[in-house]
Amino acid sequence: KRAKLAEAAERRQKEAASRGILDVQSVEEKRKRKEKIEKQMATSR
């Protein structure tokens, strides 16, 4: 019973942490693209 409750609590925490983010990989790609554009703009005259 304790093991099942612990698993359920971990599952709820993971769901709460990633709520709203369906595809973590695409979010990372967008962040990297945004950083690249910002860097280009900073280095351009």
ModelCIF file with pLDDT and N, C-alpha, C, O atoms, coordinates in Angstrom:
data_MODEL
#
_entry.id   MODEL 
#
_entity.id                         1 
_entity.type                       polymer 
_entity.pdbx_number_of_molecules   1 
#
_entity_poly.entity_id                      1 
_entity_poly.type                           'polypeptide(L)' 
_entity_poly.nstd_linkage                   no 
_entity_poly.nstd_monomer                   no 
_entity_poly.pdbx_seq_one_letter_code       KRAKLAEAAERRQKEAASRGILDVQSVEEKRKRKEKIEKQMATSR 
_entity_poly.pdbx_seq_one_letter_code_can   KRAKLAEAAERRQKEAASRGILDVQSVEEKRKRKEKIEKQMATSR 
_entity_poly.pdbx_strand_id                 A 
#
loop_
_entity_poly_seq.entity_id 
_entity_poly_seq.num 
_entity_poly_seq.mon_id 
_entity_poly_seq.hetero 
1 1  LYS n 
1 2  ARG n 
1 3  ALA n 
1 4  LYS n 
1 5  LEU n 
1 6  ALA n 
1 7  GLU n 
1 8  ALA n 
1 9  ALA n 
1 10 GLU n 
1 11 ARG n 
1 12 ARG n 
1 13 GLN n 
1 14 LYS n 
1 15 GLU n 
1 16 ALA n 
1 17 ALA n 
1 18 SER n 
1 19 ARG n 
1 20 GLY n 
1 21 ILE n 
1 22 LEU n 
1 23 ASP n 
1 24 VAL n 
1 25 GLN n 
1 26 SER n 
1 27 VAL n 
1 28 GLU n 
1 29 GLU n 
1 30 LYS n 
1 31 ARG n 
1 32 LYS n 
1 33 ARG n 
1 34 LYS n 
1 35 GLU n 
1 36 LYS n 
1 37 ILE n 
1 38 GLU n 
1 39 LYS n 
1 40 GLN n 
1 41 MET n 
1 42 ALA n 
1 43 THR n 
1 44 SER n 
1 45 ARG n 
#
_struct_asym.id          A 
_struct_asym.entity_id   1 
#
loop_
_ma_qa_metric.id 
_ma_qa_metric.mode 
_ma_qa_metric.name 
_ma_qa_metric.software_group_id 
_ma_qa_metric.type 
1 global pLDDT . pLDDT 
2 local  pLDDT . pLDDT 
#
_ma_qa_metric_global.metric_id      1 
_ma_qa_metric_global.metric_value   82.60 
_ma_qa_metric_global.model_id       1 
_ma_qa_metric_global.ordinal_id     1 
#
loop_
_ma_qa_metric_local.label_asym_id 
_ma_qa_metric_local.label_comp_id 
_ma_qa_metric_local.label_seq_id 
_ma_qa_metric_local.metric_id 
_ma_qa_metric_local.metric_value 
_ma_qa_metric_local.model_id 
_ma_qa_metric_local.ordinal_id 
A LYS 1  2 88.00 1 1  
A ARG 2  2 90.00 1 2  
A ALA 3  2 91.00 1 3  
A LYS 4  2 91.00 1 4  
A LEU 5  2 90.00 1 5  
A ALA 6  2 92.00 1 6  
A GLU 7  2 94.00 1 7  
A ALA 8  2 91.00 1 8  
A ALA 9  2 89.00 1 9  
A GLU 10 2 88.00 1 10 
A ARG 11 2 88.00 1 11 
A ARG 12 2 84.00 1 12 
A GLN 13 2 80.00 1 13 
A LYS 14 2 82.00 1 14 
A GLU 15 2 80.00 1 15 
A ALA 16 2 73.00 1 16 
A ALA 17 2 74.00 1 17 
A SER 18 2 73.00 1 18 
A ARG 19 2 72.00 1 19 
A GLY 20 2 68.00 1 20 
A ILE 21 2 64.00 1 21 
A LEU 22 2 63.00 1 22 
A ASP 23 2 71.00 1 23 
A VAL 24 2 68.00 1 24 
A GLN 25 2 78.00 1 25 
A SER 26 2 81.00 1 26 
A VAL 27 2 77.00 1 27 
A GLU 28 2 84.00 1 28 
A GLU 29 2 89.00 1 29 
A LYS 30 2 89.00 1 30 
A ARG 31 2 88.00 1 31 
A LYS 32 2 92.00 1 32 
A ARG 33 2 94.00 1 33 
A LYS 34 2 92.00 1 34 
A GLU 35 2 92.00 1 35 
A LYS 36 2 91.00 1 36 
A ILE 37 2 90.00 1 37 
A GLU 38 2 88.00 1 38 
A LYS 39 2 85.00 1 39 
A GLN 40 2 86.00 1 40 
A MET 41 2 81.00 1 41 
A ALA 42 2 78.00 1 42 
A THR 43 2 79.00 1 43 
A SER 44 2 74.00 1 44 
A ARG 45 2 65.00 1 45 
#
loop_
_atom_site.group_PDB 
_atom_site.id 
_atom_site.type_symbol 
_atom_site.label_atom_id 
_atom_site.label_alt_id 
_atom_site.label_comp_id 
_atom_site.label_asym_id 
_atom_site.label_entity_id 
_atom_site.label_seq_id 
_atom_site.pdbx_PDB_ins_code 
_atom_site.Cartn_x 
_atom_site.Cartn_y 
_atom_site.Cartn_z 
_atom_site.occupancy 
_atom_site.B_iso_or_equiv 
_atom_site.pdbx_formal_charge 
_atom_site.auth_seq_id 
_atom_site.auth_comp_id 
_atom_site.auth_asym_id 
_atom_site.auth_atom_id 
_atom_site.pdbx_PDB_model_num 
ATOM 1   N N  . LYS A 1 1  ? 0.832  -1.199 0.000   1.00 88.00 ? 1  LYS A N  1 
ATOM 2   C CA . LYS A 1 1  ? 0.000  0.000  0.000   1.00 88.00 ? 1  LYS A CA 1 
ATOM 3   C C  . LYS A 1 1  ? 0.871  1.256  0.000   1.00 88.00 ? 1  LYS A C  1 
ATOM 4   O O  . LYS A 1 1  ? 0.595  2.197  -0.744  1.00 88.00 ? 1  LYS A O  1 
ATOM 5   N N  . ARG A 1 2  ? 1.913  1.279  0.822   1.00 90.00 ? 2  ARG A N  1 
ATOM 6   C CA . ARG A 1 2  ? 2.822  2.428  0.851   1.00 90.00 ? 2  ARG A CA 1 
ATOM 7   C C  . ARG A 1 2  ? 3.523  2.614  -0.486  1.00 90.00 ? 2  ARG A C  1 
ATOM 8   O O  . ARG A 1 2  ? 3.678  3.743  -0.951  1.00 90.00 ? 2  ARG A O  1 
ATOM 9   N N  . ALA A 1 3  ? 3.947  1.524  -1.105  1.00 91.00 ? 3  ALA A N  1 
ATOM 10  C CA . ALA A 1 3  ? 4.636  1.609  -2.394  1.00 91.00 ? 3  ALA A CA 1 
ATOM 11  C C  . ALA A 1 3  ? 3.702  2.181  -3.461  1.00 91.00 ? 3  ALA A C  1 
ATOM 12  O O  . ALA A 1 3  ? 4.107  3.024  -4.262  1.00 91.00 ? 3  ALA A O  1 
ATOM 13  N N  . LYS A 1 4  ? 2.463  1.723  -3.467  1.00 91.00 ? 4  LYS A N  1 
ATOM 14  C CA . LYS A 1 4  ? 1.494  2.237  -4.446  1.00 91.00 ? 4  LYS A CA 1 
ATOM 15  C C  . LYS A 1 4  ? 1.219  3.723  -4.225  1.00 91.00 ? 4  LYS A C  1 
ATOM 16  O O  . LYS A 1 4  ? 1.128  4.489  -5.184  1.00 91.00 ? 4  LYS A O  1 
ATOM 17  N N  . LEU A 1 5  ? 1.088  4.127  -2.962  1.00 90.00 ? 5  LEU A N  1 
ATOM 18  C CA . LEU A 1 5  ? 0.856  5.535  -2.663  1.00 90.00 ? 5  LEU A CA 1 
ATOM 19  C C  . LEU A 1 5  ? 2.053  6.395  -3.070  1.00 90.00 ? 5  LEU A C  1 
ATOM 20  O O  . LEU A 1 5  ? 1.882  7.506  -3.573  1.00 90.00 ? 5  LEU A O  1 
ATOM 21  N N  . ALA A 1 6  ? 3.262  5.879  -2.851  1.00 92.00 ? 6  ALA A N  1 
ATOM 22  C CA . ALA A 1 6  ? 4.465  6.624  -3.232  1.00 92.00 ? 6  ALA A CA 1 
ATOM 23  C C  . ALA A 1 6  ? 4.546  6.776  -4.751  1.00 92.00 ? 6  ALA A C  1 
ATOM 24  O O  . ALA A 1 6  ? 4.883  7.846  -5.256  1.00 92.00 ? 6  ALA A O  1 
ATOM 25  N N  . GLU A 1 7  ? 4.233  5.694  -5.479  1.00 94.00 ? 7  GLU A N  1 
ATOM 26  C CA . GLU A 1 7  ? 4.239  5.755  -6.947  1.00 94.00 ? 7  GLU A CA 1 
ATOM 27  C C  . GLU A 1 7  ? 3.218  6.770  -7.450  1.00 94.00 ? 7  GLU A C  1 
ATOM 28  O O  . GLU A 1 7  ? 3.499  7.544  -8.365  1.00 94.00 ? 7  GLU A O  1 
ATOM 29  N N  . ALA A 1 8  ? 2.043  6.759  -6.851  1.00 91.00 ? 8  ALA A N  1 
ATOM 30  C CA . ALA A 1 8  ? 1.001  7.701  -7.261  1.00 91.00 ? 8  ALA A CA 1 
ATOM 31  C C  . ALA A 1 8  ? 1.424  9.143  -6.983  1.00 91.00 ? 8  ALA A C  1 
ATOM 32  O O  . ALA A 1 8  ? 1.161  10.035 -7.789  1.00 91.00 ? 8  ALA A O  1 
ATOM 33  N N  . ALA A 1 9  ? 2.075  9.371  -5.849  1.00 89.00 ? 9  ALA A N  1 
ATOM 34  C CA . ALA A 1 9  ? 2.537  10.723 -5.521  1.00 89.00 ? 9  ALA A CA 1 
ATOM 35  C C  . ALA A 1 9  ? 3.601  11.189 -6.511  1.00 89.00 ? 9  ALA A C  1 
ATOM 36  O O  . ALA A 1 9  ? 3.580  12.340 -6.948  1.00 89.00 ? 9  ALA A O  1 
ATOM 37  N N  . GLU A 1 10 ? 4.529  10.305 -6.865  1.00 88.00 ? 10 GLU A N  1 
ATOM 38  C CA . GLU A 1 10 ? 5.563  10.656 -7.849  1.00 88.00 ? 10 GLU A CA 1 
ATOM 39  C C  . GLU A 1 10 ? 4.929  10.975 -9.201  1.00 88.00 ? 10 GLU A C  1 
ATOM 40  O O  . GLU A 1 10 ? 5.323  11.932 -9.867  1.00 88.00 ? 10 GLU A O  1 
ATOM 41  N N  . ARG A 1 11 ? 3.964  10.182 -9.595  1.00 88.00 ? 11 ARG A N  1 
ATOM 42  C CA . ARG A 1 11 ? 3.279  10.400 -10.866 1.00 88.00 ? 11 ARG A CA 1 
ATOM 43  C C  . ARG A 1 11 ? 2.580  11.762 -10.884 1.00 88.00 ? 11 ARG A C  1 
ATOM 44  O O  . ARG A 1 11 ? 2.638  12.487 -11.877 1.00 88.00 ? 11 ARG A O  1 
ATOM 45  N N  . ARG A 1 12 ? 1.922  12.097 -9.775  1.00 84.00 ? 12 ARG A N  1 
ATOM 46  C CA . ARG A 1 12 ? 1.241  13.401 -9.686  1.00 84.00 ? 12 ARG A CA 1 
ATOM 47  C C  . ARG A 1 12 ? 2.244  14.546 -9.765  1.00 84.00 ? 12 ARG A C  1 
ATOM 48  O O  . ARG A 1 12 ? 1.976  15.557 -10.414 1.00 84.00 ? 12 ARG A O  1 
ATOM 49  N N  . GLN A 1 13 ? 3.399  14.399 -9.111  1.00 80.00 ? 13 GLN A N  1 
ATOM 50  C CA . GLN A 1 13 ? 4.414  15.443 -9.151  1.00 80.00 ? 13 GLN A CA 1 
ATOM 51  C C  . GLN A 1 13 ? 4.953  15.633 -10.560 1.00 80.00 ? 13 GLN A C  1 
ATOM 52  O O  . GLN A 1 13 ? 5.135  16.766 -11.006 1.00 80.00 ? 13 GLN A O  1 
ATOM 53  N N  . LYS A 1 14 ? 5.210  14.537 -11.265 1.00 82.00 ? 14 LYS A N  1 
ATOM 54  C CA . LYS A 1 14 ? 5.708  14.626 -12.637 1.00 82.00 ? 14 LYS A CA 1 
ATOM 55  C C  . LYS A 1 14 ? 4.671  15.290 -13.541 1.00 82.00 ? 14 LYS A C  1 
ATOM 56  O O  . LYS A 1 14 ? 5.015  16.129 -14.373 1.00 82.00 ? 14 LYS A O  1 
ATOM 57  N N  . GLU A 1 15 ? 3.417  14.919 -13.380 1.00 80.00 ? 15 GLU A N  1 
ATOM 58  C CA . GLU A 1 15 ? 2.354  15.510 -14.189 1.00 80.00 ? 15 GLU A CA 1 
ATOM 59  C C  . GLU A 1 15 ? 2.220  17.004 -13.901 1.00 80.00 ? 15 GLU A C  1 
ATOM 60  O O  . GLU A 1 15 ? 2.023  17.800 -14.819 1.00 80.00 ? 15 GLU A O  1 
ATOM 61  N N  . ALA A 1 16 ? 2.324  17.378 -12.645 1.00 73.00 ? 16 ALA A N  1 
ATOM 62  C CA . ALA A 1 16 ? 2.208  18.791 -12.279 1.00 73.00 ? 16 ALA A CA 1 
ATOM 63  C C  . ALA A 1 16 ? 3.387  19.585 -12.823 1.00 73.00 ? 16 ALA A C  1 
ATOM 64  O O  . ALA A 1 16 ? 3.227  20.730 -13.246 1.00 73.00 ? 16 ALA A O  1 
ATOM 65  N N  . ALA A 1 17 ? 4.570  18.979 -12.813 1.00 74.00 ? 17 ALA A N  1 
ATOM 66  C CA . ALA A 1 17 ? 5.764  19.673 -13.295 1.00 74.00 ? 17 ALA A CA 1 
ATOM 67  C C  . ALA A 1 17 ? 5.718  19.888 -14.795 1.00 74.00 ? 17 ALA A C  1 
ATOM 68  O O  . ALA A 1 17 ? 6.212  20.897 -15.298 1.00 74.00 ? 17 ALA A O  1 
ATOM 69  N N  . SER A 1 18 ? 5.129  18.951 -15.507 1.00 73.00 ? 18 SER A N  1 
ATOM 70  C CA . SER A 1 18 ? 5.130  19.065 -16.965 1.00 73.00 ? 18 SER A CA 1 
ATOM 71  C C  . SER A 1 18 ? 3.769  19.479 -17.517 1.00 73.00 ? 18 SER A C  1 
ATOM 72  O O  . SER A 1 18 ? 3.520  19.354 -18.716 1.00 73.00 ? 18 SER A O  1 
ATOM 73  N N  . ARG A 1 19 ? 2.901  19.963 -16.659 1.00 72.00 ? 19 ARG A N  1 
ATOM 74  C CA . ARG A 1 19 ? 1.562  20.348 -17.106 1.00 72.00 ? 19 ARG A CA 1 
ATOM 75  C C  . ARG A 1 19 ? 1.660  21.446 -18.161 1.00 72.00 ? 19 ARG A C  1 
ATOM 76  O O  . ARG A 1 19 ? 2.362  22.439 -17.974 1.00 72.00 ? 19 ARG A O  1 
ATOM 77  N N  . GLY A 1 20 ? 0.968  21.261 -19.239 1.00 68.00 ? 20 GLY A N  1 
ATOM 78  C CA . GLY A 1 20 ? 0.958  22.249 -20.302 1.00 68.00 ? 20 GLY A CA 1 
ATOM 79  C C  . GLY A 1 20 ? 2.021  22.017 -21.347 1.00 68.00 ? 20 GLY A C  1 
ATOM 80  O O  . GLY A 1 20 ? 1.924  22.575 -22.440 1.00 68.00 ? 20 GLY A O  1 
ATOM 81  N N  . ILE A 1 21 ? 3.020  21.228 -21.066 1.00 64.00 ? 21 ILE A N  1 
ATOM 82  C CA . ILE A 1 21 ? 4.062  20.937 -22.044 1.00 64.00 ? 21 ILE A CA 1 
ATOM 83  C C  . ILE A 1 21 ? 3.811  19.530 -22.573 1.00 64.00 ? 21 ILE A C  1 
ATOM 84  O O  . ILE A 1 21 ? 4.020  18.538 -21.875 1.00 64.00 ? 21 ILE A O  1 
ATOM 85  N N  . LEU A 1 22 ? 3.356  19.469 -23.823 1.00 63.00 ? 22 LEU A N  1 
ATOM 86  C CA . LEU A 1 22 ? 3.046  18.173 -24.399 1.00 63.00 ? 22 LEU A CA 1 
ATOM 87  C C  . LEU A 1 22 ? 4.275  17.547 -25.042 1.00 63.00 ? 22 LEU A C  1 
ATOM 88  O O  . LEU A 1 22 ? 4.470  16.335 -24.953 1.00 63.00 ? 22 LEU A O  1 
ATOM 89  N N  . ASP A 1 23 ? 5.104  18.358 -25.688 1.00 71.00 ? 23 ASP A N  1 
ATOM 90  C CA . ASP A 1 23 ? 6.277  17.839 -26.375 1.00 71.00 ? 23 ASP A CA 1 
ATOM 91  C C  . ASP A 1 23 ? 7.501  18.590 -25.873 1.00 71.00 ? 23 ASP A C  1 
ATOM 92  O O  . ASP A 1 23 ? 7.793  19.691 -26.340 1.00 71.00 ? 23 ASP A O  1 
ATOM 93  N N  . VAL A 1 24 ? 8.214  17.999 -24.924 1.00 68.00 ? 24 VAL A N  1 
ATOM 94  C CA . VAL A 1 24 ? 9.349  18.649 -24.291 1.00 68.00 ? 24 VAL A CA 1 
ATOM 95  C C  . VAL A 1 24 ? 10.446 18.922 -25.312 1.00 68.00 ? 24 VAL A C  1 
ATOM 96  O O  . VAL A 1 24 ? 11.110 19.957 -25.246 1.00 68.00 ? 24 VAL A O  1 
ATOM 97  N N  . GLN A 1 25 ? 10.642 18.012 -26.248 1.00 78.00 ? 25 GLN A N  1 
ATOM 98  C CA . GLN A 1 25 ? 11.710 18.171 -27.244 1.00 78.00 ? 25 GLN A CA 1 
ATOM 99  C C  . GLN A 1 25 ? 11.470 19.403 -28.118 1.00 78.00 ? 25 GLN A C  1 
ATOM 100 O O  . GLN A 1 25 ? 12.411 20.147 -28.397 1.00 78.00 ? 25 GLN A O  1 
ATOM 101 N N  . SER A 1 26 ? 10.239 19.631 -28.550 1.00 81.00 ? 26 SER A N  1 
ATOM 102 C CA . SER A 1 26 ? 9.959  20.790 -29.395 1.00 81.00 ? 26 SER A CA 1 
ATOM 103 C C  . SER A 1 26 ? 10.169 22.093 -28.620 1.00 81.00 ? 26 SER A C  1 
ATOM 104 O O  . SER A 1 26 ? 10.601 23.093 -29.193 1.00 81.00 ? 26 SER A O  1 
ATOM 105 N N  . VAL A 1 27 ? 9.867  22.083 -27.329 1.00 77.00 ? 27 VAL A N  1 
ATOM 106 C CA . VAL A 1 27 ? 10.080 23.277 -26.504 1.00 77.00 ? 27 VAL A CA 1 
ATOM 107 C C  . VAL A 1 27 ? 11.574 23.582 -26.423 1.00 77.00 ? 27 VAL A C  1 
ATOM 108 O O  . VAL A 1 27 ? 11.980 24.741 -26.511 1.00 77.00 ? 27 VAL A O  1 
ATOM 109 N N  . GLU A 1 28 ? 12.391 22.541 -26.256 1.00 84.00 ? 28 GLU A N  1 
ATOM 110 C CA . GLU A 1 28 ? 13.844 22.737 -26.206 1.00 84.00 ? 28 GLU A CA 1 
ATOM 111 C C  . GLU A 1 28 ? 14.364 23.282 -27.532 1.00 84.00 ? 28 GLU A C  1 
ATOM 112 O O  . GLU A 1 28 ? 15.215 24.171 -27.543 1.00 84.00 ? 28 GLU A O  1 
ATOM 113 N N  . GLU A 1 29 ? 13.861 22.757 -28.655 1.00 89.00 ? 29 GLU A N  1 
ATOM 114 C CA . GLU A 1 29 ? 14.293 23.233 -29.969 1.00 89.00 ? 29 GLU A CA 1 
ATOM 115 C C  . GLU A 1 29 ? 13.923 24.705 -30.158 1.00 89.00 ? 29 GLU A C  1 
ATOM 116 O O  . GLU A 1 29 ? 14.732 25.483 -30.662 1.00 89.00 ? 29 GLU A O  1 
ATOM 117 N N  . LYS A 1 30 ? 12.724 25.090 -29.764 1.00 89.00 ? 30 LYS A N  1 
ATOM 118 C CA . LYS A 1 30 ? 12.295 26.489 -29.883 1.00 89.00 ? 30 LYS A CA 1 
ATOM 119 C C  . LYS A 1 30 ? 13.176 27.396 -29.034 1.00 89.00 ? 30 LYS A C  1 
ATOM 120 O O  . LYS A 1 30 ? 13.546 28.486 -29.470 1.00 89.00 ? 30 LYS A O  1 
ATOM 121 N N  . ARG A 1 31 ? 13.511 26.957 -27.832 1.00 88.00 ? 31 ARG A N  1 
ATOM 122 C CA . ARG A 1 31 ? 14.358 27.753 -26.952 1.00 88.00 ? 31 ARG A CA 1 
ATOM 123 C C  . ARG A 1 31 ? 15.736 27.947 -27.571 1.00 88.00 ? 31 ARG A C  1 
ATOM 124 O O  . ARG A 1 31 ? 16.286 29.048 -27.530 1.00 88.00 ? 31 ARG A O  1 
ATOM 125 N N  . LYS A 1 32 ? 16.299 26.881 -28.146 1.00 92.00 ? 32 LYS A N  1 
ATOM 126 C CA . LYS A 1 32 ? 17.618 26.981 -28.774 1.00 92.00 ? 32 LYS A CA 1 
ATOM 127 C C  . LYS A 1 32 ? 17.568 27.914 -29.988 1.00 92.00 ? 32 LYS A C  1 
ATOM 128 O O  . LYS A 1 32 ? 18.487 28.708 -30.190 1.00 92.00 ? 32 LYS A O  1 
ATOM 129 N N  . ARG A 1 33 ? 16.515 27.827 -30.791 1.00 94.00 ? 33 ARG A N  1 
ATOM 130 C CA . ARG A 1 33 ? 16.374 28.713 -31.953 1.00 94.00 ? 33 ARG A CA 1 
ATOM 131 C C  . ARG A 1 33 ? 16.295 30.163 -31.504 1.00 94.00 ? 33 ARG A C  1 
ATOM 132 O O  . ARG A 1 33 ? 16.923 31.040 -32.098 1.00 94.00 ? 33 ARG A O  1 
ATOM 133 N N  . LYS A 1 34 ? 15.531 30.408 -30.468 1.00 92.00 ? 34 LYS A N  1 
ATOM 134 C CA . LYS A 1 34 ? 15.371 31.770 -29.958 1.00 92.00 ? 34 LYS A CA 1 
ATOM 135 C C  . LYS A 1 34 ? 16.705 32.315 -29.461 1.00 92.00 ? 34 LYS A C  1 
ATOM 136 O O  . LYS A 1 34 ? 17.045 33.465 -29.740 1.00 92.00 ? 34 LYS A O  1 
ATOM 137 N N  . GLU A 1 35 ? 17.467 31.498 -28.724 1.00 92.00 ? 35 GLU A N  1 
ATOM 138 C CA . GLU A 1 35 ? 18.779 31.919 -28.241 1.00 92.00 ? 35 GLU A CA 1 
ATOM 139 C C  . GLU A 1 35 ? 19.714 32.221 -29.410 1.00 92.00 ? 35 GLU A C  1 
ATOM 140 O O  . GLU A 1 35 ? 20.477 33.186 -29.357 1.00 92.00 ? 35 GLU A O  1 
ATOM 141 N N  . LYS A 1 36 ? 19.664 31.412 -30.456 1.00 91.00 ? 36 LYS A N  1 
ATOM 142 C CA . LYS A 1 36 ? 20.523 31.607 -31.625 1.00 91.00 ? 36 LYS A CA 1 
ATOM 143 C C  . LYS A 1 36 ? 20.194 32.936 -32.309 1.00 91.00 ? 36 LYS A C  1 
ATOM 144 O O  . LYS A 1 36 ? 21.095 33.684 -32.687 1.00 91.00 ? 36 LYS A O  1 
ATOM 145 N N  . ILE A 1 37 ? 18.914 33.221 -32.465 1.00 90.00 ? 37 ILE A N  1 
ATOM 146 C CA . ILE A 1 37 ? 18.492 34.476 -33.099 1.00 90.00 ? 37 ILE A CA 1 
ATOM 147 C C  . ILE A 1 37 ? 18.917 35.665 -32.251 1.00 90.00 ? 37 ILE A C  1 
ATOM 148 O O  . ILE A 1 37 ? 19.403 36.664 -32.780 1.00 90.00 ? 37 ILE A O  1 
ATOM 149 N N  . GLU A 1 38 ? 18.736 35.564 -30.940 1.00 88.00 ? 38 GLU A N  1 
ATOM 150 C CA . GLU A 1 38 ? 19.134 36.654 -30.048 1.00 88.00 ? 38 GLU A CA 1 
ATOM 151 C C  . GLU A 1 38 ? 20.643 36.892 -30.129 1.00 88.00 ? 38 GLU A C  1 
ATOM 152 O O  . GLU A 1 38 ? 21.090 38.039 -30.116 1.00 88.00 ? 38 GLU A O  1 
ATOM 153 N N  . LYS A 1 39 ? 21.421 35.824 -30.213 1.00 85.00 ? 39 LYS A N  1 
ATOM 154 C CA . LYS A 1 39 ? 22.873 35.948 -30.311 1.00 85.00 ? 39 LYS A CA 1 
ATOM 155 C C  . LYS A 1 39 ? 23.254 36.619 -31.633 1.00 85.00 ? 39 LYS A C  1 
ATOM 156 O O  . LYS A 1 39 ? 24.134 37.480 -31.659 1.00 85.00 ? 39 LYS A O  1 
ATOM 157 N N  . GLN A 1 40 ? 22.594 36.228 -32.732 1.00 86.00 ? 40 GLN A N  1 
ATOM 158 C CA . GLN A 1 40 ? 22.881 36.829 -34.030 1.00 86.00 ? 40 GLN A CA 1 
ATOM 159 C C  . GLN A 1 40 ? 22.553 38.318 -34.011 1.00 86.00 ? 40 GLN A C  1 
ATOM 160 O O  . GLN A 1 40 ? 23.304 39.130 -34.551 1.00 86.00 ? 40 GLN A O  1 
ATOM 161 N N  . MET A 1 41 ? 21.447 38.669 -33.399 1.00 81.00 ? 41 MET A N  1 
ATOM 162 C CA . MET A 1 41 ? 21.052 40.073 -33.339 1.00 81.00 ? 41 MET A CA 1 
ATOM 163 C C  . MET A 1 41 ? 22.040 40.879 -32.491 1.00 81.00 ? 41 MET A C  1 
ATOM 164 O O  . MET A 1 41 ? 22.314 42.041 -32.792 1.00 81.00 ? 41 MET A O  1 
ATOM 165 N N  . ALA A 1 42 ? 22.568 40.270 -31.445 1.00 78.00 ? 42 ALA A N  1 
ATOM 166 C CA . ALA A 1 42 ? 23.517 40.977 -30.577 1.00 78.00 ? 42 ALA A CA 1 
ATOM 167 C C  . ALA A 1 42 ? 24.851 41.201 -31.290 1.00 78.00 ? 42 ALA A C  1 
ATOM 168 O O  . ALA A 1 42 ? 25.505 42.222 -31.077 1.00 78.00 ? 42 ALA A O  1 
ATOM 169 N N  . THR A 1 43 ? 25.251 40.257 -32.128 1.00 79.00 ? 43 THR A N  1 
ATOM 170 C CA . THR A 1 43 ? 26.537 40.382 -32.811 1.00 79.00 ? 43 THR A CA 1 
ATOM 171 C C  . THR A 1 43 ? 26.436 41.178 -34.108 1.00 79.00 ? 43 THR A C  1 
ATOM 172 O O  . THR A 1 43 ? 27.453 41.654 -34.612 1.00 79.00 ? 43 THR A O  1 
ATOM 173 N N  . SER A 1 44 ? 25.250 41.332 -34.650 1.00 74.00 ? 44 SER A N  1 
ATOM 174 C CA . SER A 1 44 ? 25.115 42.085 -35.900 1.00 74.00 ? 44 SER A CA 1 
ATOM 175 C C  . SER A 1 44 ? 25.217 43.574 -35.608 1.00 74.00 ? 44 SER A C  1 
ATOM 176 O O  . SER A 1 44 ? 24.942 44.020 -34.493 1.00 74.00 ? 44 SER A O  1 
ATOM 177 N N  . ARG A 1 45 ? 25.610 44.329 -36.606 1.00 65.00 ? 45 ARG A N  1 
ATOM 178 C CA . ARG A 1 45 ? 25.774 45.768 -36.404 1.00 65.00 ? 45 ARG A CA 1 
ATOM 179 C C  . ARG A 1 45 ? 24.402 46.442 -36.360 1.00 65.00 ? 45 ARG A C  1 
ATOM 180 O O  . ARG A 1 45 ? 24.317 47.659 -36.197 1.00 65.00 ? 45 ARG A O  1 
#
